[in-house]
Amino acid sequence: MTAKIIVFALISFFHNLFTAIWMGGLIVTILAFLPAVKETLGAGPQVKKVMMAFQRRQSIWVYVSMAGLILTGLLMTNRSPEFESLFAFGNPYSVALSIKHILVIIMIGISLYRTLALGNAQSGTNPKKERLSVQLLLMNAALAVVVLLISGFTSALANALAG
């Protein structure tokens, strides 16, 4: 095994790990964690406390994952000979990759808004802000599923074009 293969494997591993932490965390939060907390504690202030504590801890991992995804994504750009440039739309591979990048940028914006603007304890909480935060969480989880689907297509296109 060449050094180039080992380096690419490690970059791919970290890219997948950061994806699992951020996007997997979103999906699991919506599908399992939040319903379990509501079922166990009922709808009340305890759920809010648990979710705020969870968000504080998870946001650290999300920020690390965002940075890691950007870095490893940039390092993976030469994976396919069809890669033209960031946000290029000249062939199916570039279109899929560009759409994926646009969605990830939207997800980053939503995550930052939720944690920095809506999650700010000093700004106080109210039902309207809480409802918006949950809606944005749902939107980000849905976008995560779409990003994962598009990732499958970019991988298939890269492999189909390579061989």
Protein backbone atom coordinates (compact mmCIF):
# COMPACT_ATOMS: atom_id res chain seq x y z
CA MET A 1 0.00 0.00 0.00
CA THR A 2 1.40 3.35 -1.02
CA ALA A 3 1.64 6.39 1.20
CA LYS A 4 -0.81 8.19 -1.10
CA ILE A 5 -3.44 5.50 -0.54
CA ILE A 6 -2.92 5.55 3.24
CA VAL A 7 -3.22 9.35 3.37
CA PHE A 8 -6.37 9.34 1.23
CA ALA A 9 -7.87 6.56 3.37
CA LEU A 10 -7.20 8.57 6.54
CA ILE A 11 -8.66 11.74 5.01
CA SER A 12 -11.75 9.79 3.91
CA PHE A 13 -12.04 8.22 7.37
CA PHE A 14 -11.98 11.59 9.11
CA HIS A 15 -14.43 13.05 6.59
CA ASN A 16 -16.82 10.17 7.30
CA LEU A 17 -16.28 10.44 11.06
CA PHE A 18 -17.05 14.18 11.07
CA THR A 19 -20.14 13.51 8.95
CA ALA A 20 -21.32 10.83 11.37
CA ILE A 21 -20.79 13.08 14.39
CA TRP A 22 -22.58 16.12 12.96
CA MET A 23 -25.21 14.76 10.60
CA GLY A 24 -25.69 11.48 12.41
CA GLY A 25 -26.06 13.43 15.64
CA LEU A 26 -28.79 15.57 14.08
CA ILE A 27 -30.71 12.58 12.80
CA VAL A 28 -30.42 10.61 16.05
CA THR A 29 -31.44 13.68 18.06
CA ILE A 30 -34.66 14.03 16.04
CA LEU A 31 -35.51 10.35 15.68
CA ALA A 32 -34.55 8.98 19.10
CA PHE A 33 -33.10 11.36 21.70
CA LEU A 34 -35.70 14.16 21.73
CA PRO A 35 -38.69 11.79 21.65
CA ALA A 36 -37.16 9.68 24.45
CA VAL A 37 -36.53 12.75 26.61
CA LYS A 38 -40.08 14.03 26.05
CA GLU A 39 -41.53 10.58 26.75
CA THR A 40 -39.52 10.18 29.95
CA LEU A 41 -39.78 13.70 31.38
CA GLY A 42 -42.97 14.98 29.77
CA ALA A 43 -43.27 18.38 28.14
CA GLY A 44 -41.88 20.79 30.70
CA PRO A 45 -38.89 22.68 31.97
CA GLN A 46 -36.83 19.52 32.54
CA VAL A 47 -36.87 18.74 28.81
CA LYS A 48 -35.59 22.25 28.10
CA LYS A 49 -32.79 21.82 30.64
CA VAL A 50 -31.73 18.47 29.18
CA MET A 51 -31.85 19.79 25.61
CA MET A 52 -29.84 22.91 26.50
CA ALA A 53 -27.20 20.78 28.24
CA PHE A 54 -27.14 18.40 25.28
CA GLN A 55 -26.86 21.28 22.81
CA ARG A 56 -23.96 22.82 24.77
CA ARG A 57 -22.00 19.56 24.64
CA GLN A 58 -23.00 18.60 21.10
CA SER A 59 -22.25 22.05 19.65
CA ILE A 60 -18.56 21.63 20.53
CA TRP A 61 -18.45 18.40 18.50
CA VAL A 62 -20.48 20.00 15.71
CA TYR A 63 -18.05 22.92 15.42
CA VAL A 64 -15.07 20.55 15.34
CA SER A 65 -16.86 18.45 12.72
CA MET A 66 -17.71 21.48 10.57
CA ALA A 67 -14.07 22.55 10.52
CA GLY A 68 -12.94 18.97 9.94
CA LEU A 69 -15.38 18.51 7.06
CA ILE A 70 -14.19 21.69 5.38
CA LEU A 71 -10.53 20.70 5.74
CA THR A 72 -10.94 17.07 4.68
CA GLY A 73 -13.34 18.09 1.89
CA LEU A 74 -10.76 20.45 0.46
CA LEU A 75 -8.13 17.72 0.67
CA MET A 76 -10.44 15.33 -1.20
CA THR A 77 -11.11 17.66 -4.15
CA ASN A 78 -8.76 15.83 -6.50
CA ARG A 79 -10.56 12.53 -5.90
CA SER A 80 -12.25 12.63 -9.28
CA PRO A 81 -10.88 13.85 -12.60
CA GLU A 82 -14.37 15.32 -13.17
CA PHE A 83 -13.84 17.86 -10.37
CA GLU A 84 -13.69 21.28 -12.01
CA SER A 85 -13.71 23.73 -9.09
CA LEU A 86 -15.82 24.66 -6.11
CA PHE A 87 -19.37 25.51 -7.20
CA ALA A 88 -18.86 24.44 -10.82
CA PHE A 89 -21.79 23.00 -12.77
CA GLY A 90 -20.07 21.69 -15.92
CA ASN A 91 -20.73 17.95 -15.46
CA PRO A 92 -22.92 15.68 -13.31
CA TYR A 93 -20.20 15.10 -10.70
CA SER A 94 -19.55 18.83 -10.26
CA VAL A 95 -23.28 19.60 -10.14
CA ALA A 96 -23.87 17.03 -7.39
CA LEU A 97 -20.83 18.20 -5.44
CA SER A 98 -21.81 21.86 -5.77
CA ILE A 99 -25.37 21.20 -4.59
CA LYS A 100 -23.97 19.24 -1.65
CA HIS A 101 -21.64 22.12 -0.73
CA ILE A 102 -24.46 24.68 -0.96
CA LEU A 103 -26.64 22.57 1.33
CA VAL A 104 -23.78 22.14 3.82
CA ILE A 105 -23.23 25.91 3.89
CA ILE A 106 -26.95 26.37 4.61
CA MET A 107 -26.68 23.75 7.38
CA ILE A 108 -23.70 25.55 8.91
CA GLY A 109 -25.66 28.81 8.87
CA ILE A 110 -28.65 27.15 10.54
CA SER A 111 -26.44 25.50 13.18
CA LEU A 112 -24.65 28.74 13.99
CA TYR A 113 -27.93 30.66 14.19
CA ARG A 114 -29.49 28.03 16.47
CA THR A 115 -26.55 27.89 18.87
CA LEU A 116 -25.38 31.51 18.81
CA ALA A 117 -28.63 33.44 18.41
CA LEU A 118 -31.40 31.17 19.68
CA GLY A 119 -29.32 29.17 22.16
CA ASN A 120 -27.96 32.24 23.92
CA ALA A 121 -29.15 31.91 27.52
CA GLN A 122 -28.67 35.65 28.13
CA SER A 123 -31.25 36.53 25.48
CA GLY A 124 -33.87 34.53 27.37
CA THR A 125 -36.17 31.87 26.00
CA ASN A 126 -39.74 32.10 24.92
CA PRO A 127 -42.11 29.68 23.20
CA LYS A 128 -41.65 31.38 19.81
CA LYS A 129 -37.83 31.05 19.94
CA GLU A 130 -38.08 27.47 21.18
CA ARG A 131 -40.47 26.54 18.37
CA LEU A 132 -38.17 28.17 15.80
CA SER A 133 -35.18 26.31 17.24
CA VAL A 134 -36.96 22.96 16.94
CA GLN A 135 -38.11 23.77 13.39
CA LEU A 136 -34.54 24.65 12.41
CA LEU A 137 -33.30 21.44 14.03
CA LEU A 138 -35.83 19.46 11.96
CA MET A 139 -34.82 21.35 8.83
CA ASN A 140 -31.13 20.64 9.43
CA ALA A 141 -31.83 16.95 10.02
CA ALA A 142 -33.78 16.79 6.75
CA LEU A 143 -30.95 18.61 4.94
CA ALA A 144 -28.49 16.13 6.47
CA VAL A 145 -30.41 13.25 4.91
CA VAL A 146 -30.38 15.02 1.52
CA VAL A 147 -26.63 15.72 1.84
CA LEU A 148 -26.01 12.04 2.60
CA LEU A 149 -28.06 11.05 -0.46
CA ILE A 150 -26.12 13.45 -2.68
CA SER A 151 -22.87 12.12 -1.19
CA GLY A 152 -23.92 8.68 -2.36
CA PHE A 153 -24.41 10.04 -5.87
CA THR A 154 -21.06 11.87 -5.88
CA SER A 155 -19.34 8.70 -4.74
CA ALA A 156 -21.11 6.64 -7.41
CA LEU A 157 -20.26 9.22 -10.07
CA ALA A 158 -16.61 9.37 -8.98
CA ASN A 159 -16.34 5.57 -9.11
CA ALA A 160 -18.22 5.27 -12.40
CA LEU A 161 -16.04 7.92 -14.01
CA ALA A 162 -12.82 6.41 -12.65
CA GLY A 163 -13.37 2.98 -13.91
